[in-house]
Amino acid sequence: MLFVTVISIPSEKAKEAVELARKLKPPIGINVREAVVLFGKPDALVLFEAPDEKTAMGFVLELSQVGETRTSMAVPIAEL
């Protein structure tokens, strides 16, 4: 399953967010396809694969340590 998480990071947590991103080791079962910083809000985007919603939620909870997260399940266009 493919997921997209966007993160809005308060300015006072910017350094903490950078440290988390550098040290982030996804749990077993999570494959991060892409993680990028955005100009404007939201501040970051993480595109990742997880075997199920429960595993995805555990990973998103780690990301939510530094800001407000919103996660959606994604479906590749080729699969439609």
PDB file of N, CA and C in Angstrom:
ATOM      1  N   MET A   1       0.840  -1.169   0.000  1.00  0.00           N
ATOM      2  CA  MET A   1       0.000   0.000   0.000  1.00  0.00           C
ATOM      3  C   MET A   1       0.887   1.235   0.000  1.00  0.00           C
ATOM      4  N   LEU A   2       0.436   2.242  -0.713  1.00  0.00           N
ATOM      5  CA  LEU A   2       1.197   3.483  -0.864  1.00  0.00           C
ATOM      6  C   LEU A   2       0.512   4.593  -0.072  1.00  0.00           C
ATOM      7  N   PHE A   3       1.304   5.387   0.643  1.00  0.00           N
ATOM      8  CA  PHE A   3       0.785   6.468   1.475  1.00  0.00           C
ATOM      9  C   PHE A   3       1.563   7.751   1.217  1.00  0.00           C
ATOM     10  N   VAL A   4       0.861   8.882   1.387  1.00  0.00           N
ATOM     11  CA  VAL A   4       1.485  10.203   1.302  1.00  0.00           C
ATOM     12  C   VAL A   4       1.184  10.926   2.610  1.00  0.00           C
ATOM     13  N   THR A   5       2.231  11.394   3.270  1.00  0.00           N
ATOM     14  CA  THR A   5       2.061  12.185   4.489  1.00  0.00           C
ATOM     15  C   THR A   5       2.652  13.560   4.251  1.00  0.00           C
ATOM     16  N   VAL A   6       1.858  14.589   4.551  1.00  0.00           N
ATOM     17  CA  VAL A   6       2.377  15.957   4.523  1.00  0.00           C
ATOM     18  C   VAL A   6       2.483  16.422   5.965  1.00  0.00           C
ATOM     19  N   ILE A   7       3.510  17.223   6.226  1.00  0.00           N
ATOM     20  CA  ILE A   7       3.793  17.659   7.592  1.00  0.00           C
ATOM     21  C   ILE A   7       3.916  19.175   7.618  1.00  0.00           C
ATOM     22  N   SER A   8       3.148  19.805   8.518  1.00  0.00           N
ATOM     23  CA  SER A   8       3.287  21.237   8.786  1.00  0.00           C
ATOM     24  C   SER A   8       4.055  21.364  10.089  1.00  0.00           C
ATOM     25  N   ILE A   9       5.213  22.011  10.022  1.00  0.00           N
ATOM     26  CA  ILE A   9       6.133  22.064  11.155  1.00  0.00           C
ATOM     27  C   ILE A   9       6.157  23.473  11.729  1.00  0.00           C
ATOM     28  N   PRO A  10       5.859  23.627  13.036  1.00  0.00           N
ATOM     29  CA  PRO A  10       5.972  24.950  13.656  1.00  0.00           C
ATOM     30  C   PRO A  10       7.434  25.408  13.630  1.00  0.00           C
ATOM     31  N   SER A  11       7.645  26.696  13.467  1.00  0.00           N
ATOM     32  CA  SER A  11       9.018  27.212  13.336  1.00  0.00           C
ATOM     33  C   SER A  11       9.903  26.838  14.520  1.00  0.00           C
ATOM     34  N   GLU A  12       9.332  26.726  15.709  1.00  0.00           N
ATOM     35  CA  GLU A  12      10.147  26.381  16.876  1.00  0.00           C
ATOM     36  C   GLU A  12      10.593  24.922  16.866  1.00  0.00           C
ATOM     37  N   LYS A  13      10.033  24.115  15.980  1.00  0.00           N
ATOM     38  CA  LYS A  13      10.440  22.708  15.884  1.00  0.00           C
ATOM     39  C   LYS A  13      11.238  22.418  14.615  1.00  0.00           C
ATOM     40  N   ALA A  14      11.659  23.450  13.903  1.00  0.00           N
ATOM     41  CA  ALA A  14      12.360  23.263  12.630  1.00  0.00           C
ATOM     42  C   ALA A  14      13.656  22.463  12.807  1.00  0.00           C
ATOM     43  N   LYS A  15      14.474  22.825  13.776  1.00  0.00           N
ATOM     44  CA  LYS A  15      15.737  22.102  13.987  1.00  0.00           C
ATOM     45  C   LYS A  15      15.475  20.650  14.385  1.00  0.00           C
ATOM     46  N   GLU A  16      14.488  20.449  15.247  1.00  0.00           N
ATOM     47  CA  GLU A  16      14.130  19.093  15.669  1.00  0.00           C
ATOM     48  C   GLU A  16      13.659  18.269  14.462  1.00  0.00           C
ATOM     49  N   ALA A  17      12.934  18.900  13.563  1.00  0.00           N
ATOM     50  CA  ALA A  17      12.442  18.205  12.372  1.00  0.00           C
ATOM     51  C   ALA A  17      13.596  17.783  11.468  1.00  0.00           C
ATOM     52  N   VAL A  18      14.574  18.654  11.302  1.00  0.00           N
ATOM     53  CA  VAL A  18      15.734  18.321  10.475  1.00  0.00           C
ATOM     54  C   VAL A  18      16.498  17.154  11.098  1.00  0.00           C
ATOM     55  N   GLU A  19      16.677  17.179  12.409  1.00  0.00           N
ATOM     56  CA  GLU A  19      17.366  16.082  13.094  1.00  0.00           C
ATOM     57  C   GLU A  19      16.602  14.767  12.937  1.00  0.00           C
ATOM     58  N   LEU A  20      15.283  14.818  13.097  1.00  0.00           N
ATOM     59  CA  LEU A  20      14.469  13.611  12.932  1.00  0.00           C
ATOM     60  C   LEU A  20      14.626  13.062  11.518  1.00  0.00           C
ATOM     61  N   ALA A  21      14.596  13.945  10.541  1.00  0.00           N
ATOM     62  CA  ALA A  21      14.717  13.507   9.144  1.00  0.00           C
ATOM     63  C   ALA A  21      16.065  12.842   8.889  1.00  0.00           C
ATOM     64  N   ARG A  22      17.118  13.396   9.461  1.00  0.00           N
ATOM     65  CA  ARG A  22      18.462  12.830   9.250  1.00  0.00           C
ATOM     66  C   ARG A  22      18.635  11.486   9.932  1.00  0.00           C
ATOM     67  N   LYS A  23      18.002  11.305  11.079  1.00  0.00           N
ATOM     68  CA  LYS A  23      18.166  10.080  11.863  1.00  0.00           C
ATOM     69  C   LYS A  23      17.080   9.047  11.601  1.00  0.00           C
ATOM     70  N   LEU A  24      16.062   9.427  10.844  1.00  0.00           N
ATOM     71  CA  LEU A  24      14.901   8.568  10.664  1.00  0.00           C
ATOM     72  C   LEU A  24      15.272   7.234  10.036  1.00  0.00           C
ATOM     73  N   LYS A  25      14.951   6.178  10.754  1.00  0.00           N
ATOM     74  CA  LYS A  25      15.139   4.822  10.246  1.00  0.00           C
ATOM     75  C   LYS A  25      13.755   4.191  10.225  1.00  0.00           C
ATOM     76  N   PRO A  26      13.180   4.074   9.044  1.00  0.00           N
ATOM     77  CA  PRO A  26      11.834   3.515   8.960  1.00  0.00           C
ATOM     78  C   PRO A  26      11.787   2.109   9.557  1.00  0.00           C
ATOM     79  N   PRO A  27      10.703   1.780  10.237  1.00  0.00           N
ATOM     80  CA  PRO A  27      10.576   0.442  10.800  1.00  0.00           C
ATOM     81  C   PRO A  27      10.506  -0.622   9.709  1.00  0.00           C
ATOM     82  N   ILE A  28      10.697  -1.849  10.097  1.00  0.00           N
ATOM     83  CA  ILE A  28      10.596  -2.966   9.153  1.00  0.00           C
ATOM     84  C   ILE A  28       9.216  -2.927   8.511  1.00  0.00           C
ATOM     85  N   GLY A  29       9.205  -3.085   7.209  1.00  0.00           N
ATOM     86  CA  GLY A  29       7.956  -3.065   6.469  1.00  0.00           C
ATOM     87  C   GLY A  29       7.655  -1.735   5.807  1.00  0.00           C
ATOM     88  N   ILE A  30       8.375  -0.685   6.202  1.00  0.00           N
ATOM     89  CA  ILE A  30       8.171   0.643   5.613  1.00  0.00           C
ATOM     90  C   ILE A  30       9.278   0.905   4.604  1.00  0.00           C
ATOM     91  N   ASN A  31       8.887   1.293   3.415  1.00  0.00           N
ATOM     92  CA  ASN A  31       9.838   1.681   2.371  1.00  0.00           C
ATOM     93  C   ASN A  31       9.550   3.137   1.998  1.00  0.00           C
ATOM     94  N   VAL A  32      10.457   4.047   2.368  1.00  0.00           N
ATOM     95  CA  VAL A  32      10.280   5.452   2.027  1.00  0.00           C
ATOM     96  C   VAL A  32      10.729   5.637   0.585  1.00  0.00           C
ATOM     97  N   ARG A  33       9.810   6.002  -0.272  1.00  0.00           N
ATOM     98  CA  ARG A  33      10.137   6.232  -1.680  1.00  0.00           C
ATOM     99  C   ARG A  33      10.746   7.613  -1.880  1.00  0.00           C
ATOM    100  N   GLU A  34      10.219   8.591  -1.150  1.00  0.00           N
ATOM    101  CA  GLU A  34      10.713   9.962  -1.302  1.00  0.00           C
ATOM    102  C   GLU A  34      10.349  10.761  -0.065  1.00  0.00           C
ATOM    103  N   ALA A  35      11.255  11.629   0.363  1.00  0.00           N
ATOM    104  CA  ALA A  35      10.999  12.579   1.443  1.00  0.00           C
ATOM    105  C   ALA A  35      11.579  13.907   0.976  1.00  0.00           C
ATOM    106  N   VAL A  36      10.745  14.938   0.963  1.00  0.00           N
ATOM    107  CA  VAL A  36      11.181  16.234   0.450  1.00  0.00           C
ATOM    108  C   VAL A  36      10.715  17.358   1.365  1.00  0.00           C
ATOM    109  N   VAL A  37      11.473  18.446   1.338  1.00  0.00           N
ATOM    110  CA  VAL A  37      11.101  19.683   2.010  1.00  0.00           C
ATOM    111  C   VAL A  37      10.395  20.542   0.975  1.00  0.00           C
ATOM    112  N   LEU A  38       9.323  21.210   1.393  1.00  0.00           N
ATOM    113  CA  LEU A  38       8.549  22.049   0.485  1.00  0.00           C
ATOM    114  C   LEU A  38       8.695  23.516   0.869  1.00  0.00           C
ATOM    115  N   PHE A  39       8.594  24.406  -0.079  1.00  0.00           N
ATOM    116  CA  PHE A  39       8.560  25.829   0.199  1.00  0.00           C
ATOM    117  C   PHE A  39       7.110  26.205   0.456  1.00  0.00           C
ATOM    118  N   GLY A  40       6.809  26.689   1.643  1.00  0.00           N
ATOM    119  CA  GLY A  40       5.442  27.014   2.007  1.00  0.00           C
ATOM    120  C   GLY A  40       4.840  25.908   2.849  1.00  0.00           C
ATOM    121  N   LYS A  41       3.554  26.032   3.112  1.00  0.00           N
ATOM    122  CA  LYS A  41       2.856  25.031   3.911  1.00  0.00           C
ATOM    123  C   LYS A  41       2.154  24.052   2.991  1.00  0.00           C
ATOM    124  N   PRO A  42       2.150  22.778   3.251  1.00  0.00           N
ATOM    125  CA  PRO A  42       2.889  22.122   4.313  1.00  0.00           C
ATOM    126  C   PRO A  42       4.398  22.212   4.073  1.00  0.00           C
ATOM    127  N   ASP A  43       5.167  21.833   5.073  1.00  0.00           N
ATOM    128  CA  ASP A  43       6.616  21.999   5.029  1.00  0.00           C
ATOM    129  C   ASP A  43       7.371  20.805   4.461  1.00  0.00           C
ATOM    130  N   ALA A  44       6.788  19.642   4.537  1.00  0.00           N
ATOM    131  CA  ALA A  44       7.473  18.429   4.075  1.00  0.00           C
ATOM    132  C   ALA A  44       6.456  17.422   3.571  1.00  0.00           C
ATOM    133  N   LEU A  45       6.945  16.502   2.751  1.00  0.00           N
ATOM    134  CA  LEU A  45       6.109  15.439   2.192  1.00  0.00           C
ATOM    135  C   LEU A  45       6.909  14.146   2.222  1.00  0.00           C
ATOM    136  N   VAL A  46       6.260  13.073   2.649  1.00  0.00           N
ATOM    137  CA  VAL A  46       6.896  11.753   2.672  1.00  0.00           C
ATOM    138  C   VAL A  46       5.981  10.793   1.910  1.00  0.00           C
ATOM    139  N   LEU A  47       6.529  10.159   0.897  1.00  0.00           N
ATOM    140  CA  LEU A  47       5.823   9.150   0.114  1.00  0.00           C
ATOM    141  C   LEU A  47       6.417   7.808   0.519  1.00  0.00           C
ATOM    142  N   PHE A  48       5.578   6.915   1.049  1.00  0.00           N
ATOM    143  CA  PHE A  48       6.110   5.651   1.544  1.00  0.00           C
ATOM    144  C   PHE A  48       5.151   4.499   1.295  1.00  0.00           C
ATOM    145  N   GLU A  49       5.715   3.296   1.335  1.00  0.00           N
ATOM    146  CA  GLU A  49       4.946   2.065   1.207  1.00  0.00           C
ATOM    147  C   GLU A  49       4.904   1.375   2.564  1.00  0.00           C
ATOM    148  N   ALA A  50       3.761   0.773   2.854  1.00  0.00           N
ATOM    149  CA  ALA A  50       3.589  -0.020   4.069  1.00  0.00           C
ATOM    150  C   ALA A  50       2.687  -1.208   3.732  1.00  0.00           C
ATOM    151  N   PRO A  51       2.863  -2.312   4.436  1.00  0.00           N
ATOM    152  CA  PRO A  51       2.053  -3.492   4.122  1.00  0.00           C
ATOM    153  C   PRO A  51       0.585  -3.338   4.516  1.00  0.00           C
ATOM    154  N   ASP A  52       0.305  -2.440   5.487  1.00  0.00           N
ATOM    155  CA  ASP A  52      -1.068  -2.261   5.953  1.00  0.00           C
ATOM    156  C   ASP A  52      -1.192  -0.922   6.687  1.00  0.00           C
ATOM    157  N   GLU A  53      -2.427  -0.549   7.014  1.00  0.00           N
ATOM    158  CA  GLU A  53      -2.694   0.726   7.671  1.00  0.00           C
ATOM    159  C   GLU A  53      -2.076   0.807   9.065  1.00  0.00           C
ATOM    160  N   LYS A  54      -2.077  -0.302   9.790  1.00  0.00           N
ATOM    161  CA  LYS A  54      -1.526  -0.301  11.149  1.00  0.00           C
ATOM    162  C   LYS A  54      -0.032   0.029  11.137  1.00  0.00           C
ATOM    163  N   THR A  55       0.698  -0.587  10.232  1.00  0.00           N
ATOM    164  CA  THR A  55       2.136  -0.318  10.119  1.00  0.00           C
ATOM    165  C   THR A  55       2.366   1.131   9.689  1.00  0.00           C
ATOM    166  N   ALA A  56       1.562   1.609   8.754  1.00  0.00           N
ATOM    167  CA  ALA A  56       1.674   2.999   8.300  1.00  0.00           C
ATOM    168  C   ALA A  56       1.432   3.962   9.459  1.00  0.00           C
ATOM    169  N   MET A  57       0.435   3.673  10.275  1.00  0.00           N
ATOM    170  CA  MET A  57       0.105   4.556  11.389  1.00  0.00           C
ATOM    171  C   MET A  57       1.257   4.673  12.381  1.00  0.00           C
ATOM    172  N   GLY A  58       1.935   3.581  12.654  1.00  0.00           N
ATOM    173  CA  GLY A  58       3.083   3.634  13.553  1.00  0.00           C
ATOM    174  C   GLY A  58       4.163   4.559  13.026  1.00  0.00           C
ATOM    175  N   PHE A  59       4.395   4.516  11.726  1.00  0.00           N
ATOM    176  CA  PHE A  59       5.400   5.375  11.107  1.00  0.00           C
ATOM    177  C   PHE A  59       4.947   6.834  11.142  1.00  0.00           C
ATOM    178  N   VAL A  60       3.702   7.082  10.846  1.00  0.00           N
ATOM    179  CA  VAL A  60       3.175   8.456  10.862  1.00  0.00           C
ATOM    180  C   VAL A  60       3.243   9.037  12.273  1.00  0.00           C
ATOM    181  N   LEU A  61       3.032   8.218  13.282  1.00  0.00           N
ATOM    182  CA  LEU A  61       3.143   8.716  14.656  1.00  0.00           C
ATOM    183  C   LEU A  61       4.554   9.205  14.957  1.00  0.00           C
ATOM    184  N   GLU A  62       5.564   8.552  14.402  1.00  0.00           N
ATOM    185  CA  GLU A  62       6.939   9.041  14.553  1.00  0.00           C
ATOM    186  C   GLU A  62       7.087  10.412  13.913  1.00  0.00           C
ATOM    187  N   LEU A  63       6.546  10.556  12.705  1.00  0.00           N
ATOM    188  CA  LEU A  63       6.644  11.826  11.987  1.00  0.00           C
ATOM    189  C   LEU A  63       5.896  12.946  12.710  1.00  0.00           C
ATOM    190  N   SER A  64       4.829  12.599  13.401  1.00  0.00           N
ATOM    191  CA  SER A  64       4.008  13.617  14.053  1.00  0.00           C
ATOM    192  C   SER A  64       4.665  14.221  15.293  1.00  0.00           C
ATOM    193  N   GLN A  65       5.836  13.720  15.674  1.00  0.00           N
ATOM    194  CA  GLN A  65       6.569  14.294  16.809  1.00  0.00           C
ATOM    195  C   GLN A  65       6.975  15.737  16.549  1.00  0.00           C
ATOM    196  N   VAL A  66       7.104  16.104  15.284  1.00  0.00           N
ATOM    197  CA  VAL A  66       7.618  17.437  14.954  1.00  0.00           C
ATOM    198  C   VAL A  66       6.588  18.355  14.311  1.00  0.00           C
ATOM    199  N   GLY A  67       5.388  17.880  14.104  1.00  0.00           N
ATOM    200  CA  GLY A  67       4.395  18.759  13.492  1.00  0.00           C
ATOM    201  C   GLY A  67       3.086  18.056  13.237  1.00  0.00           C
ATOM    202  N   GLU A  68       2.196  18.789  12.637  1.00  0.00           N
ATOM    203  CA  GLU A  68       0.878  18.265  12.296  1.00  0.00           C
ATOM    204  C   GLU A  68       0.971  17.479  10.999  1.00  0.00           C
ATOM    205  N   THR A  69       0.486  16.256  11.020  1.00  0.00           N
ATOM    206  CA  THR A  69       0.563  15.403   9.838  1.00  0.00           C
ATOM    207  C   THR A  69      -0.827  15.149   9.269  1.00  0.00           C
ATOM    208  N   ARG A  70      -0.855  14.966   7.965  1.00  0.00           N
ATOM    209  CA  ARG A  70      -2.053  14.503   7.266  1.00  0.00           C
ATOM    210  C   ARG A  70      -1.597  13.404   6.320  1.00  0.00           C
ATOM    211  N   THR A  71      -2.259  12.268   6.395  1.00  0.00           N
ATOM    212  CA  THR A  71      -1.849  11.115   5.594  1.00  0.00           C
ATOM    213  C   THR A  71      -3.014  10.634   4.745  1.00  0.00           C
ATOM    214  N   SER A  72      -2.700  10.306   3.503  1.00  0.00           N
ATOM    215  CA  SER A  72      -3.687   9.744   2.587  1.00  0.00           C
ATOM    216  C   SER A  72      -3.111   8.490   1.959  1.00  0.00           C
ATOM    217  N   MET A  73      -4.001   7.541   1.654  1.00  0.00           N
ATOM    218  CA  MET A  73      -3.578   6.391   0.875  1.00  0.00           C
ATOM    219  C   MET A  73      -3.513   6.852  -0.577  1.00  0.00           C
ATOM    220  N   ALA A  74      -2.511   6.400  -1.299  1.00  0.00           N
ATOM    221  CA  ALA A  74      -2.321   6.802  -2.697  1.00  0.00           C
ATOM    222  C   ALA A  74      -2.472   5.582  -3.600  1.00  0.00           C
ATOM    223  N   VAL A  75      -2.962   5.823  -4.802  1.00  0.00           N
ATOM    224  CA  VAL A  75      -3.104   4.764  -5.790  1.00  0.00           C
ATOM    225  C   VAL A  75      -2.383   5.226  -7.069  1.00  0.00           C
ATOM    226  N   PRO A  76      -1.377   4.486  -7.497  1.00  0.00           N
ATOM    227  CA  PRO A  76      -0.690   4.861  -8.736  1.00  0.00           C
ATOM    228  C   PRO A  76      -1.678   4.876  -9.907  1.00  0.00           C
ATOM    229  N   ILE A  77      -1.545   5.862 -10.775  1.00  0.00           N
ATOM    230  CA  ILE A  77      -2.444   6.019 -11.920  1.00  0.00           C
ATOM    231  C   ILE A  77      -2.457   4.747 -12.765  1.00  0.00           C
ATOM    232  N   ALA A  78      -1.309   4.092 -12.884  1.00  0.00           N
ATOM    233  CA  ALA A  78      -1.224   2.885 -13.713  1.00  0.00           C
ATOM    234  C   ALA A  78      -2.140   1.768 -13.203  1.00  0.00           C
ATOM    235  N   GLU A  79      -2.510   1.830 -11.933  1.00  0.00           N
ATOM    236  CA  GLU A  79      -3.359   0.787 -11.358  1.00  0.00           C
ATOM    237  C   GLU A  79      -4.843   1.065 -11.513  1.00  0.00           C
ATOM    238  N   LEU A  80      -5.202   2.212 -12.059  1.00  0.00           N
ATOM    239  CA  LEU A  80      -6.625   2.559 -12.231  1.00  0.00           C
ATOM    240  C   LEU A  80      -7.190   1.919 -13.472  1.00  0.00           C
TER     241      LEU A  80
END
